Amino acid sequence: MRGDPVTREPRYRQIAEELRHAITEHAYGPGGKLPSEGALAERYEVSRGTIRQALMLLRHDGLVTSRRGTRRVVLDDAPVQEFAQMQSFARWARSIGETPEGRVIRQGWHSADPDERRQLRIDADARVLRVVRLRLLSGRPAMLERTAYPEALGAIVETLPADTVSVTEFLEQAGVFVADAEHTIDLARADPQDAALLGCAVEDPLLRERRRSTDPAGVPLEWSEDRYLPGSVAFVVHNSLASTPMTRQHMVPVVRDSG
């Protein structure tokens, strides 16, 4: 057992954060080129592999291009939302001035269904930990999260208090980091559980985000279906030849005067 329960942030993430700060401070200018991988490796005294991991995070944030064999170019219209905020509901909520909350409604071990086996790339006889969690913004229900974790990760998540605000932040302290996420956005109709916990009517339309997250080695960490109340968030996608960053935006409900 380790003496220090908090794992130090990996070097590639530290480098990515320094480069992200430089980009947002316009150190390279819109359309400017970052130093080469070799120059960055020499500057930070790390391997080129570590630099590539850092640049991968910047690419996922939509900050730089990712053409092989060329130096990365800073995008003209780089979004301000970081990958960490897009991945973590709690970090995103704090970034917009809201107080995030989480409440586990139900969790338990189950035999993985075909969809979970495919998304998590696990064996037919594998178990998953399924967690239903209500997410709130400053006390207001905003989203119902249904997540399946593979057995190794589920054993960690199972021990968390029911009111843990951020599972992502806890996992990072345990040395588990998300490096990539695939999002599918569509519409779903509220089922009885959605209606009871989100305060809407059965069959009301909800914004659904299905997400698979993987670690730096590409190993799946979670398969989640999140259902948001209308008016709580909007997802914005910017398309370009260089990248397709996505951001999550807060939507403030409009209160109309009935009189």
C-alpha atoms as a PDB file:
ATOM      1  CA  MET A   1       0.000   0.000   0.000  1.00  0.00           C
ATOM      2  CA  ARG A   2       1.357   3.423  -0.926  1.00  0.00           C
ATOM      3  CA  GLY A   3       2.235   5.858   1.807  1.00  0.00           C
ATOM      4  CA  ASP A   4       0.980   8.820  -0.230  1.00  0.00           C
ATOM      5  CA  PRO A   5      -2.706   8.388  -1.284  1.00  0.00           C
ATOM      6  CA  VAL A   6      -2.498  11.246  -3.813  1.00  0.00           C
ATOM      7  CA  THR A   7      -0.732  10.393  -7.056  1.00  0.00           C
ATOM      8  CA  ARG A   8       1.336  13.163  -8.634  1.00  0.00           C
ATOM      9  CA  GLU A   9      -0.070  14.488 -11.900  1.00  0.00           C
ATOM     10  CA  PRO A  10       1.682  12.873 -14.888  1.00  0.00           C
ATOM     11  CA  ARG A  11       4.400  14.954 -16.533  1.00  0.00           C
ATOM     12  CA  TYR A  12       2.621  15.074 -19.903  1.00  0.00           C
ATOM     13  CA  ARG A  13      -0.396  16.707 -18.260  1.00  0.00           C
ATOM     14  CA  GLN A  14       1.825  19.298 -16.593  1.00  0.00           C
ATOM     15  CA  ILE A  15       3.418  20.099 -19.950  1.00  0.00           C
ATOM     16  CA  ALA A  16       0.025  20.284 -21.662  1.00  0.00           C
ATOM     17  CA  GLU A  17      -1.165  22.742 -19.014  1.00  0.00           C
ATOM     18  CA  GLU A  18       1.898  24.982 -19.516  1.00  0.00           C
ATOM     19  CA  LEU A  19       1.439  24.957 -23.302  1.00  0.00           C
ATOM     20  CA  ARG A  20      -2.323  25.560 -22.928  1.00  0.00           C
ATOM     21  CA  HIS A  21      -1.616  28.605 -20.783  1.00  0.00           C
ATOM     22  CA  ALA A  22       0.895  29.930 -23.334  1.00  0.00           C
ATOM     23  CA  ILE A  23      -1.610  29.470 -26.167  1.00  0.00           C
ATOM     24  CA  THR A  24      -4.453  31.211 -24.344  1.00  0.00           C
ATOM     25  CA  GLU A  25      -2.052  34.061 -23.522  1.00  0.00           C
ATOM     26  CA  HIS A  26      -1.364  34.341 -27.307  1.00  0.00           C
ATOM     27  CA  ALA A  27       2.321  33.494 -26.918  1.00  0.00           C
ATOM     28  CA  TYR A  28       2.310  31.898 -30.378  1.00  0.00           C
ATOM     29  CA  GLY A  29      -0.464  33.948 -31.994  1.00  0.00           C
ATOM     30  CA  PRO A  30      -3.410  32.635 -34.073  1.00  0.00           C
ATOM     31  CA  GLY A  31      -2.081  30.382 -36.789  1.00  0.00           C
ATOM     32  CA  GLY A  32       1.386  30.298 -35.244  1.00  0.00           C
ATOM     33  CA  LYS A  33       3.397  27.097 -35.003  1.00  0.00           C
ATOM     34  CA  LEU A  34       4.441  25.384 -31.805  1.00  0.00           C
ATOM     35  CA  PRO A  35       8.095  24.337 -31.458  1.00  0.00           C
ATOM     36  CA  SER A  36       8.921  20.930 -32.886  1.00  0.00           C
ATOM     37  CA  GLU A  37       8.497  17.771 -30.802  1.00  0.00           C
ATOM     38  CA  GLY A  38      12.278  17.556 -30.498  1.00  0.00           C
ATOM     39  CA  ALA A  39      12.584  21.161 -29.307  1.00  0.00           C
ATOM     40  CA  LEU A  40       9.791  20.687 -26.764  1.00  0.00           C
ATOM     41  CA  ALA A  41      11.322  17.425 -25.521  1.00  0.00           C
ATOM     42  CA  GLU A  42      14.645  19.219 -25.011  1.00  0.00           C
ATOM     43  CA  ARG A  43      12.986  22.187 -23.288  1.00  0.00           C
ATOM     44  CA  TYR A  44      11.091  20.019 -20.797  1.00  0.00           C
ATOM     45  CA  GLU A  45      13.793  17.325 -20.542  1.00  0.00           C
ATOM     46  CA  VAL A  46      11.399  14.489 -21.406  1.00  0.00           C
ATOM     47  CA  SER A  47      10.992  11.962 -24.199  1.00  0.00           C
ATOM     48  CA  ARG A  48       9.201  12.707 -27.460  1.00  0.00           C
ATOM     49  CA  GLY A  49       6.530  10.218 -26.393  1.00  0.00           C
ATOM     50  CA  THR A  50       5.699  12.392 -23.394  1.00  0.00           C
ATOM     51  CA  ILE A  51       5.469  15.444 -25.669  1.00  0.00           C
ATOM     52  CA  ARG A  52       3.150  13.572 -28.043  1.00  0.00           C
ATOM     53  CA  GLN A  53       0.843  12.744 -25.124  1.00  0.00           C
ATOM     54  CA  ALA A  54       0.767  16.420 -24.114  1.00  0.00           C
ATOM     55  CA  LEU A  55       0.039  17.512 -27.680  1.00  0.00           C
ATOM     56  CA  MET A  56      -2.732  14.919 -27.887  1.00  0.00           C
ATOM     57  CA  LEU A  57      -4.496  16.643 -24.990  1.00  0.00           C
ATOM     58  CA  LEU A  58      -4.166  20.017 -26.721  1.00  0.00           C
ATOM     59  CA  ARG A  59      -5.606  18.506 -29.887  1.00  0.00           C
ATOM     60  CA  HIS A  60      -8.588  17.122 -27.957  1.00  0.00           C
ATOM     61  CA  ASP A  61      -9.147  20.602 -26.512  1.00  0.00           C
ATOM     62  CA  GLY A  62      -9.264  21.980 -30.054  1.00  0.00           C
ATOM     63  CA  LEU A  63      -6.250  24.221 -29.425  1.00  0.00           C
ATOM     64  CA  VAL A  64      -3.888  22.905 -32.105  1.00  0.00           C
ATOM     65  CA  THR A  65      -3.950  20.928 -35.316  1.00  0.00           C
ATOM     66  CA  SER A  66      -2.711  17.364 -35.425  1.00  0.00           C
ATOM     67  CA  ARG A  67      -1.267  16.741 -38.885  1.00  0.00           C
ATOM     68  CA  ARG A  68       1.377  14.035 -38.819  1.00  0.00           C
ATOM     69  CA  GLY A  69       4.847  15.048 -39.926  1.00  0.00           C
ATOM     70  CA  THR A  70       4.299  18.787 -39.415  1.00  0.00           C
ATOM     71  CA  ARG A  71       4.590  21.181 -36.510  1.00  0.00           C
ATOM     72  CA  ARG A  72       1.309  21.792 -34.684  1.00  0.00           C
ATOM     73  CA  VAL A  73      -0.474  24.996 -35.649  1.00  0.00           C
ATOM     74  CA  VAL A  74      -2.453  27.043 -33.127  1.00  0.00           C
ATOM     75  CA  LEU A  75      -6.069  27.359 -34.245  1.00  0.00           C
ATOM     76  CA  ASP A  76      -7.490  30.848 -34.842  1.00  0.00           C
ATOM     77  CA  ASP A  77     -10.706  30.181 -32.940  1.00  0.00           C
ATOM     78  CA  ALA A  78      -9.586  27.955 -30.085  1.00  0.00           C
ATOM     79  CA  PRO A  79     -12.386  27.203 -27.612  1.00  0.00           C
ATOM     80  CA  VAL A  80     -11.803  28.214 -24.010  1.00  0.00           C
ATOM     81  CA  GLN A  81     -13.339  25.072 -22.502  1.00  0.00           C
ATOM     82  CA  GLU A  82     -10.723  22.511 -21.585  1.00  0.00           C
ATOM     83  CA  PHE A  83     -11.024  18.772 -22.132  1.00  0.00           C
ATOM     84  CA  ALA A  84     -11.126  18.309 -18.347  1.00  0.00           C
ATOM     85  CA  GLN A  85     -14.203  20.544 -18.114  1.00  0.00           C
ATOM     86  CA  MET A  86     -15.896  18.718 -20.974  1.00  0.00           C
ATOM     87  CA  GLN A  87     -15.224  15.371 -19.316  1.00  0.00           C
ATOM     88  CA  SER A  88     -16.072  16.321 -15.731  1.00  0.00           C
ATOM     89  CA  PHE A  89     -19.535  17.642 -14.858  1.00  0.00           C
ATOM     90  CA  ALA A  90     -18.178  19.040 -11.577  1.00  0.00           C
ATOM     91  CA  ARG A  91     -15.305  20.961 -13.191  1.00  0.00           C
ATOM     92  CA  TRP A  92     -17.610  22.336 -15.861  1.00  0.00           C
ATOM     93  CA  ALA A  93     -20.161  23.448 -13.252  1.00  0.00           C
ATOM     94  CA  ARG A  94     -17.497  25.271 -11.236  1.00  0.00           C
ATOM     95  CA  SER A  95     -16.178  26.973 -14.388  1.00  0.00           C
ATOM     96  CA  ILE A  96     -19.572  28.644 -14.921  1.00  0.00           C
ATOM     97  CA  GLY A  97     -20.001  29.665 -11.295  1.00  0.00           C
ATOM     98  CA  GLU A  98     -22.402  26.884 -10.268  1.00  0.00           C
ATOM     99  CA  THR A  99     -22.049  24.526  -7.296  1.00  0.00           C
ATOM    100  CA  PRO A 100     -21.973  20.880  -8.469  1.00  0.00           C
ATOM    101  CA  GLU A 101     -23.574  18.096  -6.457  1.00  0.00           C
ATOM    102  CA  GLY A 102     -23.866  14.350  -6.944  1.00  0.00           C
ATOM    103  CA  ARG A 103     -26.177  11.824  -5.323  1.00  0.00           C
ATOM    104  CA  VAL A 104     -25.938   8.095  -5.952  1.00  0.00           C
ATOM    105  CA  ILE A 105     -29.474   6.769  -6.352  1.00  0.00           C
ATOM    106  CA  ARG A 106     -28.544   3.130  -6.902  1.00  0.00           C
ATOM    107  CA  GLN A 107     -25.473   1.047  -7.647  1.00  0.00           C
ATOM    108  CA  GLY A 108     -24.732  -2.639  -7.923  1.00  0.00           C
ATOM    109  CA  TRP A 109     -22.842  -5.362  -9.760  1.00  0.00           C
ATOM    110  CA  HIS A 110     -24.395  -6.964 -12.847  1.00  0.00           C
ATOM    111  CA  SER A 111     -23.432  -9.247 -15.678  1.00  0.00           C
ATOM    112  CA  ALA A 112     -22.445  -7.016 -18.586  1.00  0.00           C
ATOM    113  CA  ASP A 113     -25.059  -6.752 -21.324  1.00  0.00           C
ATOM    114  CA  PRO A 114     -24.013  -6.934 -25.015  1.00  0.00           C
ATOM    115  CA  ASP A 115     -23.734  -3.150 -25.362  1.00  0.00           C
ATOM    116  CA  GLU A 116     -21.556  -2.840 -22.249  1.00  0.00           C
ATOM    117  CA  ARG A 117     -19.328  -5.700 -23.415  1.00  0.00           C
ATOM    118  CA  ARG A 118     -18.847  -4.032 -26.780  1.00  0.00           C
ATOM    119  CA  GLN A 119     -18.240  -0.513 -25.454  1.00  0.00           C
ATOM    120  CA  LEU A 120     -15.961  -1.567 -22.601  1.00  0.00           C
ATOM    121  CA  ARG A 121     -14.288  -4.357 -24.590  1.00  0.00           C
ATOM    122  CA  ILE A 122     -14.763  -6.953 -21.843  1.00  0.00           C
ATOM    123  CA  ASP A 123     -15.427 -10.703 -21.863  1.00  0.00           C
ATOM    124  CA  ALA A 124     -18.898 -12.241 -22.089  1.00  0.00           C
ATOM    125  CA  ASP A 125     -18.787 -13.399 -18.459  1.00  0.00           C
ATOM    126  CA  ALA A 126     -17.475 -10.084 -17.075  1.00  0.00           C
ATOM    127  CA  ARG A 127     -19.253  -8.006 -14.439  1.00  0.00           C
ATOM    128  CA  VAL A 128     -19.805  -4.268 -14.446  1.00  0.00           C
ATOM    129  CA  LEU A 129     -20.679  -1.834 -11.682  1.00  0.00           C
ATOM    130  CA  ARG A 130     -23.755   0.123 -12.738  1.00  0.00           C
ATOM    131  CA  VAL A 131     -24.257   3.462 -11.000  1.00  0.00           C
ATOM    132  CA  VAL A 132     -27.278   5.754 -11.281  1.00  0.00           C
ATOM    133  CA  ARG A 133     -26.286   9.234 -10.105  1.00  0.00           C
ATOM    134  CA  LEU A 134     -28.337  12.444  -9.953  1.00  0.00           C
ATOM    135  CA  ARG A 135     -26.324  15.562 -10.825  1.00  0.00           C
ATOM    136  CA  LEU A 136     -27.385  18.999  -9.614  1.00  0.00           C
ATOM    137  CA  LEU A 137     -26.362  22.576 -10.379  1.00  0.00           C
ATOM    138  CA  SER A 138     -26.556  24.724  -7.228  1.00  0.00           C
ATOM    139  CA  GLY A 139     -29.279  22.502  -5.815  1.00  0.00           C
ATOM    140  CA  ARG A 140     -31.312  22.194  -9.036  1.00  0.00           C
ATOM    141  CA  PRO A 141     -31.609  18.771 -10.727  1.00  0.00           C
ATOM    142  CA  ALA A 142     -29.923  18.985 -14.114  1.00  0.00           C
ATOM    143  CA  MET A 143     -28.904  15.502 -15.261  1.00  0.00           C
ATOM    144  CA  LEU A 144     -29.357  11.802 -14.501  1.00  0.00           C
ATOM    145  CA  GLU A 145     -26.231   9.763 -15.125  1.00  0.00           C
ATOM    146  CA  ARG A 146     -26.226   6.013 -15.738  1.00  0.00           C
ATOM    147  CA  THR A 147     -22.669   4.695 -15.870  1.00  0.00           C
ATOM    148  CA  ALA A 148     -21.183   1.221 -16.244  1.00  0.00           C
ATOM    149  CA  TYR A 149     -17.619   0.628 -15.012  1.00  0.00           C
ATOM    150  CA  PRO A 150     -15.463  -2.429 -15.789  1.00  0.00           C
ATOM    151  CA  GLU A 151     -14.649  -4.576 -12.786  1.00  0.00           C
ATOM    152  CA  ALA A 152     -11.232  -3.153 -11.878  1.00  0.00           C
ATOM    153  CA  LEU A 153     -12.455   0.434 -11.943  1.00  0.00           C
ATOM    154  CA  GLY A 154     -15.823  -0.433 -10.426  1.00  0.00           C
ATOM    155  CA  ALA A 155     -14.068  -1.803  -7.351  1.00  0.00           C
ATOM    156  CA  ILE A 156     -12.679   1.712  -6.779  1.00  0.00           C
ATOM    157  CA  VAL A 157     -15.882   3.613  -7.558  1.00  0.00           C
ATOM    158  CA  GLU A 158     -17.944   1.318  -5.323  1.00  0.00           C
ATOM    159  CA  THR A 159     -16.132   2.605  -2.228  1.00  0.00           C
ATOM    160  CA  LEU A 160     -16.980   6.279  -2.818  1.00  0.00           C
ATOM    161  CA  PRO A 161     -19.467   8.094  -0.577  1.00  0.00           C
ATOM    162  CA  ALA A 162     -22.912   8.495  -2.143  1.00  0.00           C
ATOM    163  CA  ASP A 163     -22.538  12.281  -2.234  1.00  0.00           C
ATOM    164  CA  THR A 164     -19.134  12.367  -3.958  1.00  0.00           C
ATOM    165  CA  VAL A 165     -19.097  15.514  -6.083  1.00  0.00           C
ATOM    166  CA  SER A 166     -16.592  14.403  -8.735  1.00  0.00           C
ATOM    167  CA  VAL A 167     -15.749  10.791  -9.551  1.00  0.00           C
ATOM    168  CA  THR A 168     -13.294  12.012 -12.201  1.00  0.00           C
ATOM    169  CA  GLU A 169     -11.249  13.974  -9.664  1.00  0.00           C
ATOM    170  CA  PHE A 170     -11.213  11.059  -7.223  1.00  0.00           C
ATOM    171  CA  LEU A 171      -9.988   8.670  -9.926  1.00  0.00           C
ATOM    172  CA  GLU A 172      -7.223  11.080 -10.881  1.00  0.00           C
ATOM    173  CA  GLN A 173      -6.024  11.032  -7.270  1.00  0.00           C
ATOM    174  CA  ALA A 174      -5.941   7.238  -7.567  1.00  0.00           C
ATOM    175  CA  GLY A 175      -3.803   7.503 -10.704  1.00  0.00           C
ATOM    176  CA  VAL A 176      -6.579   6.876 -13.260  1.00  0.00           C
ATOM    177  CA  PHE A 177      -6.703   9.530 -15.992  1.00  0.00           C
ATOM    178  CA  VAL A 178      -9.104   9.992 -18.907  1.00  0.00           C
ATOM    179  CA  ALA A 179      -7.276  10.863 -22.133  1.00  0.00           C
ATOM    180  CA  ASP A 180     -10.018  10.440 -24.730  1.00  0.00           C
ATOM    181  CA  ALA A 181     -13.815  10.457 -24.855  1.00  0.00           C
ATOM    182  CA  GLU A 182     -16.333   9.728 -27.579  1.00  0.00           C
ATOM    183  CA  HIS A 183     -19.677  11.532 -27.285  1.00  0.00           C
ATOM    184  CA  THR A 184     -22.964  10.740 -29.017  1.00  0.00           C
ATOM    185  CA  ILE A 185     -25.700  13.372 -28.615  1.00  0.00           C
ATOM    186  CA  ASP A 186     -29.359  12.735 -29.374  1.00  0.00           C
ATOM    187  CA  LEU A 187     -32.889  12.932 -27.926  1.00  0.00           C
ATOM    188  CA  ALA A 188     -34.465  10.536 -25.429  1.00  0.00           C
ATOM    189  CA  ARG A 189     -37.900  10.415 -23.845  1.00  0.00           C
ATOM    190  CA  ALA A 190     -38.055  10.545 -20.066  1.00  0.00           C
ATOM    191  CA  ASP A 191     -38.796   7.206 -18.426  1.00  0.00           C
ATOM    192  CA  PRO A 192     -40.436   6.945 -14.963  1.00  0.00           C
ATOM    193  CA  GLN A 193     -37.075   7.112 -13.183  1.00  0.00           C
ATOM    194  CA  ASP A 194     -36.045  10.225 -15.144  1.00  0.00           C
ATOM    195  CA  ALA A 195     -39.366  11.869 -14.365  1.00  0.00           C
ATOM    196  CA  ALA A 196     -39.217  11.125 -10.636  1.00  0.00           C
ATOM    197  CA  LEU A 197     -35.659  12.383 -10.155  1.00  0.00           C
ATOM    198  CA  LEU A 198     -35.495  15.261 -12.640  1.00  0.00           C
ATOM    199  CA  GLY A 199     -38.980  16.591 -11.932  1.00  0.00           C
ATOM    200  CA  CYS A 200     -40.290  16.274 -15.471  1.00  0.00           C
ATOM    201  CA  ALA A 201     -43.154  14.267 -16.978  1.00  0.00           C
ATOM    202  CA  VAL A 202     -42.835  10.772 -18.428  1.00  0.00           C
ATOM    203  CA  GLU A 203     -42.173  11.005 -22.185  1.00  0.00           C
ATOM    204  CA  ASP A 204     -40.838  14.566 -21.920  1.00  0.00           C
ATOM    205  CA  PRO A 205     -37.870  15.111 -24.280  1.00  0.00           C
ATOM    206  CA  LEU A 206     -34.416  15.035 -22.674  1.00  0.00           C
ATOM    207  CA  LEU A 207     -31.004  15.772 -24.165  1.00  0.00           C
ATOM    208  CA  ARG A 208     -29.047  12.506 -24.085  1.00  0.00           C
ATOM    209  CA  GLU A 209     -25.274  12.203 -24.147  1.00  0.00           C
ATOM    210  CA  ARG A 210     -23.748   8.741 -24.455  1.00  0.00           C
ATOM    211  CA  ARG A 211     -20.058   8.728 -23.618  1.00  0.00           C
ATOM    212  CA  ARG A 212     -17.210   6.235 -23.658  1.00  0.00           C
ATOM    213  CA  SER A 213     -14.006   7.353 -21.947  1.00  0.00           C
ATOM    214  CA  THR A 214     -10.591   5.731 -22.306  1.00  0.00           C
ATOM    215  CA  ASP A 215      -7.200   6.079 -20.608  1.00  0.00           C
ATOM    216  CA  PRO A 216      -3.958   7.139 -22.370  1.00  0.00           C
ATOM    217  CA  ALA A 217      -3.432   3.540 -23.530  1.00  0.00           C
ATOM    218  CA  GLY A 218      -6.921   3.419 -25.103  1.00  0.00           C
ATOM    219  CA  VAL A 219      -8.405   1.117 -22.443  1.00  0.00           C
ATOM    220  CA  PRO A 220     -12.119   1.885 -21.809  1.00  0.00           C
ATOM    221  CA  LEU A 221     -12.829   3.290 -18.344  1.00  0.00           C
ATOM    222  CA  GLU A 222     -16.575   3.917 -18.452  1.00  0.00           C
ATOM    223  CA  TRP A 223     -19.668   3.723 -20.622  1.00  0.00           C
ATOM    224  CA  SER A 224     -22.241   6.311 -19.603  1.00  0.00           C
ATOM    225  CA  GLU A 225     -25.655   7.599 -20.650  1.00  0.00           C
ATOM    226  CA  ASP A 226     -26.426  11.069 -19.286  1.00  0.00           C
ATOM    227  CA  ARG A 227     -29.880  12.640 -19.638  1.00  0.00           C
ATOM    228  CA  TYR A 228     -30.149  16.417 -19.234  1.00  0.00           C
ATOM    229  CA  LEU A 229     -33.235  18.502 -18.576  1.00  0.00           C
ATOM    230  CA  PRO A 230     -34.035  20.863 -21.472  1.00  0.00           C
ATOM    231  CA  GLY A 231     -32.631  24.306 -20.840  1.00  0.00           C
ATOM    232  CA  SER A 232     -29.787  23.121 -18.600  1.00  0.00           C
ATOM    233  CA  VAL A 233     -27.015  22.640 -21.198  1.00  0.00           C
ATOM    234  CA  ALA A 234     -26.272  22.874 -24.892  1.00  0.00           C
ATOM    235  CA  PHE A 235     -23.436  21.116 -26.725  1.00  0.00           C
ATOM    236  CA  VAL A 236     -21.670  23.173 -29.397  1.00  0.00           C
ATOM    237  CA  VAL A 237     -19.530  21.534 -32.093  1.00  0.00           C
ATOM    238  CA  HIS A 238     -17.071  23.505 -34.222  1.00  0.00           C
ATOM    239  CA  ASN A 239     -16.042  21.770 -37.442  1.00  0.00           C
ATOM    240  CA  SER A 240     -12.835  22.460 -39.346  1.00  0.00           C
ATOM    241  CA  LEU A 241     -10.355  20.564 -41.508  1.00  0.00           C
ATOM    242  CA  ALA A 242      -7.943  20.602 -38.594  1.00  0.00           C
ATOM    243  CA  SER A 243     -10.156  19.439 -35.730  1.00  0.00           C
ATOM    244  CA  THR A 244     -13.680  19.116 -34.385  1.00  0.00           C
ATOM    245  CA  PRO A 245     -13.737  20.401 -30.811  1.00  0.00           C
ATOM    246  CA  MET A 246     -16.929  20.236 -28.776  1.00  0.00           C
ATOM    247  CA  THR A 247     -17.914  22.376 -25.807  1.00  0.00           C
ATOM    248  CA  ARG A 248     -20.711  22.222 -23.274  1.00  0.00           C
ATOM    249  CA  GLN A 249     -22.566  25.465 -22.617  1.00  0.00           C
ATOM    250  CA  HIS A 250     -24.795  26.513 -19.739  1.00  0.00           C
ATOM    251  CA  MET A 251     -28.326  27.506 -20.668  1.00  0.00           C
ATOM    252  CA  VAL A 252     -30.121  29.872 -18.291  1.00  0.00           C
ATOM    253  CA  PRO A 253     -33.895  29.190 -18.213  1.00  0.00           C
ATOM    254  CA  VAL A 254     -35.979  32.175 -19.308  1.00  0.00           C
ATOM    255  CA  VAL A 255     -38.702  33.081 -16.800  1.00  0.00           C
ATOM    256  CA  ARG A 256     -41.642  34.773 -18.493  1.00  0.00           C
ATOM    257  CA  ASP A 257     -44.038  37.083 -16.703  1.00  0.00           C
ATOM    258  CA  SER A 258     -47.443  35.384 -16.822  1.00  0.00           C
ATOM    259  CA  GLY A 259     -49.124  38.723 -16.290  1.00  0.00           C
END
